[in-house]
Amino acid sequence: MDWEFEQDWHRCKKWYDELFQMNTDVDAILFLIGVQELGKGYQEFSKDQKMDLVHIAVCTVLEPYGYYTFLGEDEDGWPHFKRIKKLPFLKPEEQDRLMKDAIINYTSKAQQSGGSFHSQ
């Protein structure tokens, strides 16, 4: 186990837990990132919209890794991405590690740039 990575993940998760006053996991954090990237604040979302928000987050956090590129927004303001390359086959624990790493990087950049993350 990579101790430094685990510490980074713990700090990142704790930041979301405290900001949103809830116990988060990877899926919850991806949903919150999707809401942030949509930029319309929290509102009631349908089940399909929630899945779309997680997809937006996955594309956003994996974009720096070269897997997706941002194409633009549709007429309703929803971001769209194009897959640049396929993700390699990953075991579940490897997939979990990649997503956590991507979330840590996304969150770190957002915090360093002084970007606000809305908890409402």
PDB file of N, CA and C in Angstrom:
ATOM      1  N   MET A   1       0.843  -1.187   0.000  1.00  0.00           N
ATOM      2  CA  MET A   1       0.000   0.000   0.000  1.00  0.00           C
ATOM      3  C   MET A   1       0.887   1.249   0.000  1.00  0.00           C
ATOM      4  N   ASP A   2       0.496   2.237  -0.741  1.00  0.00           N
ATOM      5  CA  ASP A   2       1.225   3.491  -0.857  1.00  0.00           C
ATOM      6  C   ASP A   2       0.740   4.438   0.254  1.00  0.00           C
ATOM      7  N   TRP A   3       1.557   4.588   1.285  1.00  0.00           N
ATOM      8  CA  TRP A   3       1.169   5.377   2.451  1.00  0.00           C
ATOM      9  C   TRP A   3       0.879   6.834   2.081  1.00  0.00           C
ATOM     10  N   GLU A   4       1.731   7.426   1.261  1.00  0.00           N
ATOM     11  CA  GLU A   4       1.540   8.829   0.882  1.00  0.00           C
ATOM     12  C   GLU A   4       0.228   9.016   0.121  1.00  0.00           C
ATOM     13  N   PHE A   5      -0.051   8.106  -0.803  1.00  0.00           N
ATOM     14  CA  PHE A   5      -1.311   8.177  -1.548  1.00  0.00           C
ATOM     15  C   PHE A   5      -2.506   8.074  -0.592  1.00  0.00           C
ATOM     16  N   GLU A   6      -2.446   7.121   0.327  1.00  0.00           N
ATOM     17  CA  GLU A   6      -3.550   6.942   1.274  1.00  0.00           C
ATOM     18  C   GLU A   6      -3.752   8.194   2.130  1.00  0.00           C
ATOM     19  N   GLN A   7      -2.677   8.836   2.521  1.00  0.00           N
ATOM     20  CA  GLN A   7      -2.774  10.086   3.289  1.00  0.00           C
ATOM     21  C   GLN A   7      -3.419  11.178   2.442  1.00  0.00           C
ATOM     22  N   ASP A   8      -2.998  11.285   1.183  1.00  0.00           N
ATOM     23  CA  ASP A   8      -3.578  12.283   0.278  1.00  0.00           C
ATOM     24  C   ASP A   8      -5.078  12.041   0.098  1.00  0.00           C
ATOM     25  N   TRP A   9      -5.459  10.769  -0.089  1.00  0.00           N
ATOM     26  CA  TRP A   9      -6.872  10.438  -0.269  1.00  0.00           C
ATOM     27  C   TRP A   9      -7.655  10.772   1.002  1.00  0.00           C
ATOM     28  N   HIS A  10      -7.100  10.430   2.150  1.00  0.00           N
ATOM     29  CA  HIS A  10      -7.781  10.718   3.410  1.00  0.00           C
ATOM     30  C   HIS A  10      -8.018  12.224   3.567  1.00  0.00           C
ATOM     31  N   ARG A  11      -7.009  13.036   3.262  1.00  0.00           N
ATOM     32  CA  ARG A  11      -7.156  14.502   3.353  1.00  0.00           C
ATOM     33  C   ARG A  11      -8.206  15.009   2.363  1.00  0.00           C
ATOM     34  N   CYS A  12      -8.178  14.483   1.154  1.00  0.00           N
ATOM     35  CA  CYS A  12      -9.130  14.906   0.129  1.00  0.00           C
ATOM     36  C   CYS A  12     -10.554  14.549   0.545  1.00  0.00           C
ATOM     37  N   LYS A  13     -10.759  13.308   0.942  1.00  0.00           N
ATOM     38  CA  LYS A  13     -12.079  12.859   1.371  1.00  0.00           C
ATOM     39  C   LYS A  13     -12.570  13.663   2.570  1.00  0.00           C
ATOM     40  N   LYS A  14     -11.681  13.915   3.513  1.00  0.00           N
ATOM     41  CA  LYS A  14     -12.048  14.693   4.695  1.00  0.00           C
ATOM     42  C   LYS A  14     -12.507  16.100   4.300  1.00  0.00           C
ATOM     43  N   TRP A  15     -11.841  16.683   3.307  1.00  0.00           N
ATOM     44  CA  TRP A  15     -12.220  18.018   2.839  1.00  0.00           C
ATOM     45  C   TRP A  15     -13.664  18.013   2.332  1.00  0.00           C
ATOM     46  N   TYR A  16     -14.020  17.011   1.509  1.00  0.00           N
ATOM     47  CA  TYR A  16     -15.394  16.907   1.018  1.00  0.00           C
ATOM     48  C   TYR A  16     -16.367  16.608   2.157  1.00  0.00           C
ATOM     49  N   ASP A  17     -15.974  15.705   3.053  1.00  0.00           N
ATOM     50  CA  ASP A  17     -16.829  15.370   4.196  1.00  0.00           C
ATOM     51  C   ASP A  17     -17.179  16.608   4.999  1.00  0.00           C
ATOM     52  N   GLU A  18     -16.180  17.438   5.274  1.00  0.00           N
ATOM     53  CA  GLU A  18     -16.406  18.639   6.078  1.00  0.00           C
ATOM     54  C   GLU A  18     -17.164  19.710   5.303  1.00  0.00           C
ATOM     55  N   LEU A  19     -16.803  19.892   4.049  1.00  0.00           N
ATOM     56  CA  LEU A  19     -17.455  20.926   3.243  1.00  0.00           C
ATOM     57  C   LEU A  19     -18.937  20.638   3.057  1.00  0.00           C
ATOM     58  N   PHE A  20     -19.262  19.371   2.816  1.00  0.00           N
ATOM     59  CA  PHE A  20     -20.653  19.012   2.534  1.00  0.00           C
ATOM     60  C   PHE A  20     -21.355  18.366   3.726  1.00  0.00           C
ATOM     61  N   GLN A  21     -20.666  18.297   4.852  1.00  0.00           N
ATOM     62  CA  GLN A  21     -21.225  17.768   6.098  1.00  0.00           C
ATOM     63  C   GLN A  21     -21.899  16.417   5.887  1.00  0.00           C
ATOM     64  N   MET A  22     -21.140  15.517   5.255  1.00  0.00           N
ATOM     65  CA  MET A  22     -21.627  14.161   5.008  1.00  0.00           C
ATOM     66  C   MET A  22     -20.437  13.222   4.861  1.00  0.00           C
ATOM     67  N   ASN A  23     -20.680  11.952   4.986  1.00  0.00           N
ATOM     68  CA  ASN A  23     -19.640  10.959   4.790  1.00  0.00           C
ATOM     69  C   ASN A  23     -19.623  10.596   3.304  1.00  0.00           C
ATOM     70  N   THR A  24     -18.588  11.026   2.615  1.00  0.00           N
ATOM     71  CA  THR A  24     -18.522  10.818   1.170  1.00  0.00           C
ATOM     72  C   THR A  24     -17.727   9.570   0.824  1.00  0.00           C
ATOM     73  N   ASP A  25     -17.937   9.119  -0.410  1.00  0.00           N
ATOM     74  CA  ASP A  25     -17.133   8.062  -0.996  1.00  0.00           C
ATOM     75  C   ASP A  25     -16.825   8.501  -2.422  1.00  0.00           C
ATOM     76  N   VAL A  26     -16.179   7.660  -3.179  1.00  0.00           N
ATOM     77  CA  VAL A  26     -15.780   8.045  -4.539  1.00  0.00           C
ATOM     78  C   VAL A  26     -16.994   8.459  -5.366  1.00  0.00           C
ATOM     79  N   ASP A  27     -18.066   7.675  -5.314  1.00  0.00           N
ATOM     80  CA  ASP A  27     -19.252   7.993  -6.117  1.00  0.00           C
ATOM     81  C   ASP A  27     -19.881   9.322  -5.714  1.00  0.00           C
ATOM     82  N   ALA A  28     -19.977   9.568  -4.408  1.00  0.00           N
ATOM     83  CA  ALA A  28     -20.553  10.830  -3.933  1.00  0.00           C
ATOM     84  C   ALA A  28     -19.688  12.010  -4.364  1.00  0.00           C
ATOM     85  N   ILE A  29     -18.389  11.849  -4.266  1.00  0.00           N
ATOM     86  CA  ILE A  29     -17.487  12.938  -4.664  1.00  0.00           C
ATOM     87  C   ILE A  29     -17.585  13.188  -6.166  1.00  0.00           C
ATOM     88  N   LEU A  30     -17.672  12.126  -6.950  1.00  0.00           N
ATOM     89  CA  LEU A  30     -17.840  12.318  -8.399  1.00  0.00           C
ATOM     90  C   LEU A  30     -19.139  13.055  -8.706  1.00  0.00           C
ATOM     91  N   PHE A  31     -20.211  12.716  -8.005  1.00  0.00           N
ATOM     92  CA  PHE A  31     -21.468  13.434  -8.190  1.00  0.00           C
ATOM     93  C   PHE A  31     -21.291  14.920  -7.867  1.00  0.00           C
ATOM     94  N   LEU A  32     -20.632  15.220  -6.742  1.00  0.00           N
ATOM     95  CA  LEU A  32     -20.419  16.614  -6.341  1.00  0.00           C
ATOM     96  C   LEU A  32     -19.551  17.364  -7.351  1.00  0.00           C
ATOM     97  N   ILE A  33     -18.542  16.698  -7.891  1.00  0.00           N
ATOM     98  CA  ILE A  33     -17.713  17.326  -8.926  1.00  0.00           C
ATOM     99  C   ILE A  33     -18.545  17.586 -10.177  1.00  0.00           C
ATOM    100  N   GLY A  34     -19.410  16.645 -10.529  1.00  0.00           N
ATOM    101  CA  GLY A  34     -20.289  16.845 -11.682  1.00  0.00           C
ATOM    102  C   GLY A  34     -21.198  18.046 -11.505  1.00  0.00           C
ATOM    103  N   VAL A  35     -21.766  18.191 -10.309  1.00  0.00           N
ATOM    104  CA  VAL A  35     -22.619  19.354 -10.024  1.00  0.00           C
ATOM    105  C   VAL A  35     -21.793  20.627 -10.146  1.00  0.00           C
ATOM    106  N   GLN A  36     -20.578  20.601  -9.611  1.00  0.00           N
ATOM    107  CA  GLN A  36     -19.691  21.765  -9.689  1.00  0.00           C
ATOM    108  C   GLN A  36     -19.392  22.119 -11.145  1.00  0.00           C
ATOM    109  N   GLU A  37     -19.062  21.119 -11.938  1.00  0.00           N
ATOM    110  CA  GLU A  37     -18.705  21.356 -13.334  1.00  0.00           C
ATOM    111  C   GLU A  37     -19.897  21.819 -14.167  1.00  0.00           C
ATOM    112  N   LEU A  38     -21.082  21.365 -13.815  1.00  0.00           N
ATOM    113  CA  LEU A  38     -22.282  21.835 -14.507  1.00  0.00           C
ATOM    114  C   LEU A  38     -22.474  23.323 -14.250  1.00  0.00           C
ATOM    115  N   GLY A  39     -22.134  23.755 -13.027  1.00  0.00           N
ATOM    116  CA  GLY A  39     -22.139  25.181 -12.717  1.00  0.00           C
ATOM    117  C   GLY A  39     -23.489  25.800 -12.452  1.00  0.00           C
ATOM    118  N   LYS A  40     -24.479  25.009 -12.160  1.00  0.00           N
ATOM    119  CA  LYS A  40     -25.812  25.548 -11.928  1.00  0.00           C
ATOM    120  C   LYS A  40     -26.244  25.419 -10.476  1.00  0.00           C
ATOM    121  N   GLY A  41     -25.313  25.008  -9.604  1.00  0.00           N
ATOM    122  CA  GLY A  41     -25.656  24.817  -8.205  1.00  0.00           C
ATOM    123  C   GLY A  41     -26.463  23.557  -8.009  1.00  0.00           C
ATOM    124  N   TYR A  42     -26.698  23.253  -6.746  1.00  0.00           N
ATOM    125  CA  TYR A  42     -27.454  22.042  -6.462  1.00  0.00           C
ATOM    126  C   TYR A  42     -28.926  22.275  -6.733  1.00  0.00           C
ATOM    127  N   GLN A  43     -29.550  21.281  -7.306  1.00  0.00           N
ATOM    128  CA  GLN A  43     -30.983  21.289  -7.569  1.00  0.00           C
ATOM    129  C   GLN A  43     -31.450  19.845  -7.581  1.00  0.00           C
ATOM    130  N   GLU A  44     -32.716  19.633  -7.768  1.00  0.00           N
ATOM    131  CA  GLU A  44     -33.221  18.267  -7.885  1.00  0.00           C
ATOM    132  C   GLU A  44     -32.841  17.745  -9.268  1.00  0.00           C
ATOM    133  N   PHE A  45     -32.247  16.559  -9.298  1.00  0.00           N
ATOM    134  CA  PHE A  45     -31.854  15.938 -10.558  1.00  0.00           C
ATOM    135  C   PHE A  45     -32.556  14.594 -10.686  1.00  0.00           C
ATOM    136  N   SER A  46     -32.925  14.260 -11.912  1.00  0.00           N
ATOM    137  CA  SER A  46     -33.496  12.939 -12.162  1.00  0.00           C
ATOM    138  C   SER A  46     -32.394  11.895 -12.045  1.00  0.00           C
ATOM    139  N   LYS A  47     -32.780  10.635 -12.008  1.00  0.00           N
ATOM    140  CA  LYS A  47     -31.794   9.551 -11.925  1.00  0.00           C
ATOM    141  C   LYS A  47     -30.840   9.614 -13.115  1.00  0.00           C
ATOM    142  N   ASP A  48     -31.382   9.847 -14.314  1.00  0.00           N
ATOM    143  CA  ASP A  48     -30.535   9.944 -15.511  1.00  0.00           C
ATOM    144  C   ASP A  48     -29.590  11.142 -15.427  1.00  0.00           C
ATOM    145  N   GLN A  49     -30.076  12.257 -14.933  1.00  0.00           N
ATOM    146  CA  GLN A  49     -29.220  13.433 -14.786  1.00  0.00           C
ATOM    147  C   GLN A  49     -28.108  13.179 -13.783  1.00  0.00           C
ATOM    148  N   LYS A  50     -28.413  12.457 -12.703  1.00  0.00           N
ATOM    149  CA  LYS A  50     -27.379  12.126 -11.723  1.00  0.00           C
ATOM    150  C   LYS A  50     -26.291  11.272 -12.361  1.00  0.00           C
ATOM    151  N   MET A  51     -26.698  10.330 -13.192  1.00  0.00           N
ATOM    152  CA  MET A  51     -25.716   9.503 -13.892  1.00  0.00           C
ATOM    153  C   MET A  51     -24.898  10.355 -14.863  1.00  0.00           C
ATOM    154  N   ASP A  52     -25.555  11.304 -15.533  1.00  0.00           N
ATOM    155  CA  ASP A  52     -24.848  12.215 -16.434  1.00  0.00           C
ATOM    156  C   ASP A  52     -23.839  13.071 -15.669  1.00  0.00           C
ATOM    157  N   LEU A  53     -24.211  13.503 -14.459  1.00  0.00           N
ATOM    158  CA  LEU A  53     -23.304  14.311 -13.643  1.00  0.00           C
ATOM    159  C   LEU A  53     -22.057  13.522 -13.246  1.00  0.00           C
ATOM    160  N   VAL A  54     -22.239  12.258 -12.903  1.00  0.00           N
ATOM    161  CA  VAL A  54     -21.081  11.414 -12.584  1.00  0.00           C
ATOM    162  C   VAL A  54     -20.216  11.243 -13.834  1.00  0.00           C
ATOM    163  N   HIS A  55     -20.851  11.078 -14.993  1.00  0.00           N
ATOM    164  CA  HIS A  55     -20.088  10.947 -16.245  1.00  0.00           C
ATOM    165  C   HIS A  55     -19.288  12.233 -16.520  1.00  0.00           C
ATOM    166  N   ILE A  56     -19.901  13.377 -16.307  1.00  0.00           N
ATOM    167  CA  ILE A  56     -19.206  14.659 -16.485  1.00  0.00           C
ATOM    168  C   ILE A  56     -17.987  14.703 -15.572  1.00  0.00           C
ATOM    169  N   ALA A  57     -18.157  14.277 -14.326  1.00  0.00           N
ATOM    170  CA  ALA A  57     -17.048  14.291 -13.373  1.00  0.00           C
ATOM    171  C   ALA A  57     -15.937  13.343 -13.806  1.00  0.00           C
ATOM    172  N   VAL A  58     -16.297  12.138 -14.221  1.00  0.00           N
ATOM    173  CA  VAL A  58     -15.293  11.173 -14.662  1.00  0.00           C
ATOM    174  C   VAL A  58     -14.507  11.743 -15.837  1.00  0.00           C
ATOM    175  N   CYS A  59     -15.199  12.296 -16.805  1.00  0.00           N
ATOM    176  CA  CYS A  59     -14.519  12.894 -17.964  1.00  0.00           C
ATOM    177  C   CYS A  59     -13.617  14.049 -17.531  1.00  0.00           C
ATOM    178  N   THR A  60     -14.112  14.878 -16.629  1.00  0.00           N
ATOM    179  CA  THR A  60     -13.355  16.037 -16.162  1.00  0.00           C
ATOM    180  C   THR A  60     -12.088  15.634 -15.432  1.00  0.00           C
ATOM    181  N   VAL A  61     -12.208  14.678 -14.502  1.00  0.00           N
ATOM    182  CA  VAL A  61     -11.029  14.313 -13.714  1.00  0.00           C
ATOM    183  C   VAL A  61     -10.036  13.483 -14.518  1.00  0.00           C
ATOM    184  N   LEU A  62     -10.516  12.791 -15.557  1.00  0.00           N
ATOM    185  CA  LEU A  62      -9.605  11.987 -16.380  1.00  0.00           C
ATOM    186  C   LEU A  62      -9.075  12.743 -17.597  1.00  0.00           C
ATOM    187  N   GLU A  63      -9.589  13.936 -17.850  1.00  0.00           N
ATOM    188  CA  GLU A  63      -9.110  14.736 -18.984  1.00  0.00           C
ATOM    189  C   GLU A  63      -7.610  14.997 -18.907  1.00  0.00           C
ATOM    190  N   PRO A  64      -7.051  15.365 -17.742  1.00  0.00           N
ATOM    191  CA  PRO A  64      -5.595  15.594 -17.681  1.00  0.00           C
ATOM    192  C   PRO A  64      -4.758  14.338 -17.966  1.00  0.00           C
ATOM    193  N   TYR A  65      -5.372  13.183 -17.872  1.00  0.00           N
ATOM    194  CA  TYR A  65      -4.673  11.923 -18.135  1.00  0.00           C
ATOM    195  C   TYR A  65      -4.727  11.551 -19.623  1.00  0.00           C
ATOM    196  N   GLY A  66      -5.401  12.394 -20.415  1.00  0.00           N
ATOM    197  CA  GLY A  66      -5.457  12.175 -21.853  1.00  0.00           C
ATOM    198  C   GLY A  66      -6.551  11.245 -22.333  1.00  0.00           C
ATOM    199  N   TYR A  67      -7.518  10.932 -21.474  1.00  0.00           N
ATOM    200  CA  TYR A  67      -8.589  10.014 -21.873  1.00  0.00           C
ATOM    201  C   TYR A  67      -9.770  10.732 -22.515  1.00  0.00           C
ATOM    202  N   TYR A  68     -10.000  11.977 -22.140  1.00  0.00           N
ATOM    203  CA  TYR A  68     -11.135  12.747 -22.662  1.00  0.00           C
ATOM    204  C   TYR A  68     -10.687  14.159 -23.004  1.00  0.00           C
ATOM    205  N   THR A  69     -11.458  14.783 -23.896  1.00  0.00           N
ATOM    206  CA  THR A  69     -11.265  16.200 -24.171  1.00  0.00           C
ATOM    207  C   THR A  69     -12.637  16.879 -24.140  1.00  0.00           C
ATOM    208  N   PHE A  70     -12.647  18.087 -23.642  1.00  0.00           N
ATOM    209  CA  PHE A  70     -13.880  18.864 -23.532  1.00  0.00           C
ATOM    210  C   PHE A  70     -14.268  19.380 -24.908  1.00  0.00           C
ATOM    211  N   LEU A  71     -15.525  19.141 -25.314  1.00  0.00           N
ATOM    212  CA  LEU A  71     -16.012  19.610 -26.615  1.00  0.00           C
ATOM    213  C   LEU A  71     -16.762  20.928 -26.523  1.00  0.00           C
ATOM    214  N   GLY A  72     -17.434  21.152 -25.417  1.00  0.00           N
ATOM    215  CA  GLY A  72     -18.246  22.352 -25.260  1.00  0.00           C
ATOM    216  C   GLY A  72     -19.531  22.005 -24.539  1.00  0.00           C
ATOM    217  N   GLU A  73     -20.398  22.981 -24.468  1.00  0.00           N
ATOM    218  CA  GLU A  73     -21.671  22.793 -23.776  1.00  0.00           C
ATOM    219  C   GLU A  73     -22.807  22.759 -24.776  1.00  0.00           C
ATOM    220  N   ASP A  74     -23.857  22.019 -24.438  1.00  0.00           N
ATOM    221  CA  ASP A  74     -25.040  22.007 -25.289  1.00  0.00           C
ATOM    222  C   ASP A  74     -25.898  23.230 -24.981  1.00  0.00           C
ATOM    223  N   GLU A  75     -27.048  23.328 -25.627  1.00  0.00           N
ATOM    224  CA  GLU A  75     -27.907  24.514 -25.467  1.00  0.00           C
ATOM    225  C   GLU A  75     -28.450  24.662 -24.046  1.00  0.00           C
ATOM    226  N   ASP A  76     -28.424  23.582 -23.272  1.00  0.00           N
ATOM    227  CA  ASP A  76     -28.876  23.642 -21.883  1.00  0.00           C
ATOM    228  C   ASP A  76     -27.734  23.875 -20.905  1.00  0.00           C
ATOM    229  N   GLY A  77     -26.516  24.033 -21.418  1.00  0.00           N
ATOM    230  CA  GLY A  77     -25.363  24.302 -20.573  1.00  0.00           C
ATOM    231  C   GLY A  77     -24.679  23.065 -20.010  1.00  0.00           C
ATOM    232  N   TRP A  78     -25.031  21.893 -20.500  1.00  0.00           N
ATOM    233  CA  TRP A  78     -24.402  20.659 -20.026  1.00  0.00           C
ATOM    234  C   TRP A  78     -23.126  20.402 -20.817  1.00  0.00           C
ATOM    235  N   PRO A  79     -22.014  20.168 -20.123  1.00  0.00           N
ATOM    236  CA  PRO A  79     -20.743  19.920 -20.819  1.00  0.00           C
ATOM    237  C   PRO A  79     -20.729  18.562 -21.523  1.00  0.00           C
ATOM    238  N   HIS A  80     -20.006  18.534 -22.645  1.00  0.00           N
ATOM    239  CA  HIS A  80     -19.850  17.295 -23.408  1.00  0.00           C
ATOM    240  C   HIS A  80     -18.373  17.049 -23.682  1.00  0.00           C
ATOM    241  N   PHE A  81     -18.012  15.790 -23.708  1.00  0.00           N
ATOM    242  CA  PHE A  81     -16.624  15.373 -23.874  1.00  0.00           C
ATOM    243  C   PHE A  81     -16.526  14.340 -24.984  1.00  0.00           C
ATOM    244  N   LYS A  82     -15.338  14.215 -25.502  1.00  0.00           N
ATOM    245  CA  LYS A  82     -15.041  13.169 -26.483  1.00  0.00           C
ATOM    246  C   LYS A  82     -13.954  12.289 -25.887  1.00  0.00           C
ATOM    247  N   ARG A  83     -14.149  10.987 -25.995  1.00  0.00           N
ATOM    248  CA  ARG A  83     -13.113  10.071 -25.521  1.00  0.00           C
ATOM    249  C   ARG A  83     -11.977  10.066 -26.529  1.00  0.00           C
ATOM    250  N   ILE A  84     -10.764  10.291 -26.040  1.00  0.00           N
ATOM    251  CA  ILE A  84      -9.569  10.338 -26.875  1.00  0.00           C
ATOM    252  C   ILE A  84      -8.926   8.967 -26.974  1.00  0.00           C
ATOM    253  N   LYS A  85      -8.866   8.285 -25.855  1.00  0.00           N
ATOM    254  CA  LYS A  85      -8.318   6.929 -25.853  1.00  0.00           C
ATOM    255  C   LYS A  85      -9.062   6.101 -24.824  1.00  0.00           C
ATOM    256  N   LYS A  86      -9.096   4.807 -25.084  1.00  0.00           N
ATOM    257  CA  LYS A  86      -9.770   3.889 -24.179  1.00  0.00           C
ATOM    258  C   LYS A  86      -8.961   3.703 -22.911  1.00  0.00           C
ATOM    259  N   LEU A  87      -9.686   3.567 -21.822  1.00  0.00           N
ATOM    260  CA  LEU A  87      -9.030   3.208 -20.575  1.00  0.00           C
ATOM    261  C   LEU A  87      -8.533   1.771 -20.702  1.00  0.00           C
ATOM    262  N   PRO A  88      -7.375   1.499 -20.161  1.00  0.00           N
ATOM    263  CA  PRO A  88      -6.904   0.116 -20.191  1.00  0.00           C
ATOM    264  C   PRO A  88      -7.771  -0.747 -19.275  1.00  0.00           C
ATOM    265  N   PHE A  89      -7.738  -2.049 -19.495  1.00  0.00           N
ATOM    266  CA  PHE A  89      -8.452  -2.934 -18.582  1.00  0.00           C
ATOM    267  C   PHE A  89      -7.801  -2.817 -17.215  1.00  0.00           C
ATOM    268  N   LEU A  90      -8.613  -2.530 -16.219  1.00  0.00           N
ATOM    269  CA  LEU A  90      -8.098  -2.377 -14.858  1.00  0.00           C
ATOM    270  C   LEU A  90      -8.871  -3.279 -13.913  1.00  0.00           C
ATOM    271  N   LYS A  91      -8.164  -3.878 -12.982  1.00  0.00           N
ATOM    272  CA  LYS A  91      -8.817  -4.620 -11.914  1.00  0.00           C
ATOM    273  C   LYS A  91      -9.573  -3.602 -11.066  1.00  0.00           C
ATOM    274  N   PRO A  92     -10.594  -4.036 -10.330  1.00  0.00           N
ATOM    275  CA  PRO A  92     -11.381  -3.087  -9.522  1.00  0.00           C
ATOM    276  C   PRO A  92     -10.529  -2.204  -8.611  1.00  0.00           C
ATOM    277  N   GLU A  93      -9.531  -2.778  -7.964  1.00  0.00           N
ATOM    278  CA  GLU A  93      -8.699  -1.969  -7.069  1.00  0.00           C
ATOM    279  C   GLU A  93      -7.842  -0.972  -7.844  1.00  0.00           C
ATOM    280  N   GLU A  94      -7.446  -1.319  -9.067  1.00  0.00           N
ATOM    281  CA  GLU A  94      -6.683  -0.394  -9.903  1.00  0.00           C
ATOM    282  C   GLU A  94      -7.579   0.738 -10.402  1.00  0.00           C
ATOM    283  N   GLN A  95      -8.815   0.400 -10.751  1.00  0.00           N
ATOM    284  CA  GLN A  95      -9.769   1.414 -11.185  1.00  0.00           C
ATOM    285  C   GLN A  95     -10.065   2.385 -10.037  1.00  0.00           C
ATOM    286  N   ASP A  96     -10.247   1.844  -8.841  1.00  0.00           N
ATOM    287  CA  ASP A  96     -10.488   2.668  -7.659  1.00  0.00           C
ATOM    288  C   ASP A  96      -9.313   3.607  -7.408  1.00  0.00           C
ATOM    289  N   ARG A  97      -8.113   3.092  -7.537  1.00  0.00           N
ATOM    290  CA  ARG A  97      -6.904   3.898  -7.330  1.00  0.00           C
ATOM    291  C   ARG A  97      -6.828   5.023  -8.366  1.00  0.00           C
ATOM    292  N   LEU A  98      -7.093   4.714  -9.639  1.00  0.00           N
ATOM    293  CA  LEU A  98      -7.049   5.733 -10.687  1.00  0.00           C
ATOM    294  C   LEU A  98      -8.053   6.843 -10.403  1.00  0.00           C
ATOM    295  N   MET A  99      -9.279   6.477 -10.036  1.00  0.00           N
ATOM    296  CA  MET A  99     -10.300   7.492  -9.783  1.00  0.00           C
ATOM    297  C   MET A  99      -9.948   8.334  -8.562  1.00  0.00           C
ATOM    298  N   LYS A 100      -9.454   7.691  -7.516  1.00  0.00           N
ATOM    299  CA  LYS A 100      -9.058   8.456  -6.331  1.00  0.00           C
ATOM    300  C   LYS A 100      -7.916   9.406  -6.658  1.00  0.00           C
ATOM    301  N   ASP A 101      -6.943   8.935  -7.415  1.00  0.00           N
ATOM    302  CA  ASP A 101      -5.818   9.777  -7.821  1.00  0.00           C
ATOM    303  C   ASP A 101      -6.310  10.967  -8.643  1.00  0.00           C
ATOM    304  N   ALA A 102      -7.215  10.701  -9.575  1.00  0.00           N
ATOM    305  CA  ALA A 102      -7.752  11.774 -10.424  1.00  0.00           C
ATOM    306  C   ALA A 102      -8.555  12.778  -9.593  1.00  0.00           C
ATOM    307  N   ILE A 103      -9.313  12.292  -8.607  1.00  0.00           N
ATOM    308  CA  ILE A 103     -10.077  13.184  -7.722  1.00  0.00           C
ATOM    309  C   ILE A 103      -9.130  14.029  -6.878  1.00  0.00           C
ATOM    310  N   ILE A 104      -8.082  13.413  -6.350  1.00  0.00           N
ATOM    311  CA  ILE A 104      -7.093  14.155  -5.562  1.00  0.00           C
ATOM    312  C   ILE A 104      -6.493  15.272  -6.410  1.00  0.00           C
ATOM    313  N   ASN A 105      -6.091  14.965  -7.634  1.00  0.00           N
ATOM    314  CA  ASN A 105      -5.495  15.968  -8.518  1.00  0.00           C
ATOM    315  C   ASN A 105      -6.470  17.090  -8.843  1.00  0.00           C
ATOM    316  N   TYR A 106      -7.705  16.741  -9.175  1.00  0.00           N
ATOM    317  CA  TYR A 106      -8.731  17.735  -9.478  1.00  0.00           C
ATOM    318  C   TYR A 106      -8.947  18.663  -8.284  1.00  0.00           C
ATOM    319  N   THR A 107      -9.110  18.064  -7.111  1.00  0.00           N
ATOM    320  CA  THR A 107      -9.398  18.834  -5.902  1.00  0.00           C
ATOM    321  C   THR A 107      -8.219  19.724  -5.533  1.00  0.00           C
ATOM    322  N   SER A 108      -7.024  19.182  -5.644  1.00  0.00           N
ATOM    323  CA  SER A 108      -5.824  19.955  -5.327  1.00  0.00           C
ATOM    324  C   SER A 108      -5.702  21.176  -6.239  1.00  0.00           C
ATOM    325  N   LYS A 109      -5.939  20.981  -7.526  1.00  0.00           N
ATOM    326  CA  LYS A 109      -5.858  22.111  -8.475  1.00  0.00           C
ATOM    327  C   LYS A 109      -6.947  23.138  -8.185  1.00  0.00           C
ATOM    328  N   ALA A 110      -8.135  22.676  -7.848  1.00  0.00           N
ATOM    329  CA  ALA A 110      -9.233  23.598  -7.532  1.00  0.00           C
ATOM    330  C   ALA A 110      -8.897  24.416  -6.289  1.00  0.00           C
ATOM    331  N   GLN A 111      -8.311  23.762  -5.291  1.00  0.00           N
ATOM    332  CA  GLN A 111      -7.958  24.465  -4.062  1.00  0.00           C
ATOM    333  C   GLN A 111      -6.809  25.446  -4.309  1.00  0.00           C
ATOM    334  N   GLN A 112      -5.810  25.043  -5.088  1.00  0.00           N
ATOM    335  CA  GLN A 112      -4.650  25.900  -5.352  1.00  0.00           C
ATOM    336  C   GLN A 112      -5.016  27.122  -6.179  1.00  0.00           C
ATOM    337  N   SER A 113      -5.980  26.958  -7.086  1.00  0.00           N
ATOM    338  CA  SER A 113      -6.361  28.086  -7.937  1.00  0.00           C
ATOM    339  C   SER A 113      -7.328  29.026  -7.228  1.00  0.00           C
ATOM    340  N   GLY A 114      -7.692  28.660  -6.010  1.00  0.00           N
ATOM    341  CA  GLY A 114      -8.613  29.514  -5.258  1.00  0.00           C
ATOM    342  C   GLY A 114     -10.038  29.392  -5.746  1.00  0.00           C
ATOM    343  N   GLY A 115     -10.289  28.394  -6.605  1.00  0.00           N
ATOM    344  CA  GLY A 115     -11.640  28.182  -7.102  1.00  0.00           C
ATOM    345  C   GLY A 115     -12.576  27.801  -5.973  1.00  0.00           C
ATOM    346  N   SER A 116     -13.775  28.294  -6.051  1.00  0.00           N
ATOM    347  CA  SER A 116     -14.729  27.966  -4.992  1.00  0.00           C
ATOM    348  C   SER A 116     -15.473  26.705  -5.366  1.00  0.00           C
ATOM    349  N   PHE A 117     -15.752  25.932  -4.384  1.00  0.00           N
ATOM    350  CA  PHE A 117     -16.535  24.709  -4.565  1.00  0.00           C
ATOM    351  C   PHE A 117     -17.777  24.912  -3.741  1.00  0.00           C
ATOM    352  N   HIS A 118     -18.903  24.921  -4.390  1.00  0.00           N
ATOM    353  CA  HIS A 118     -20.153  25.286  -3.719  1.00  0.00           C
ATOM    354  C   HIS A 118     -20.727  24.113  -2.958  1.00  0.00           C
ATOM    355  N   SER A 119     -21.014  24.317  -1.695  1.00  0.00           N
ATOM    356  CA  SER A 119     -21.599  23.277  -0.864  1.00  0.00           C
ATOM    357  C   SER A 119     -23.119  23.402  -0.790  1.00  0.00           C
ATOM    358  N   GLN A 120     -23.673  24.341  -1.466  1.00  0.00           N
ATOM    359  CA  GLN A 120     -25.120  24.519  -1.427  1.00  0.00           C
ATOM    360  C   GLN A 120     -25.745  24.003  -2.692  1.00  0.00           C
TER     361      GLN A 120
END
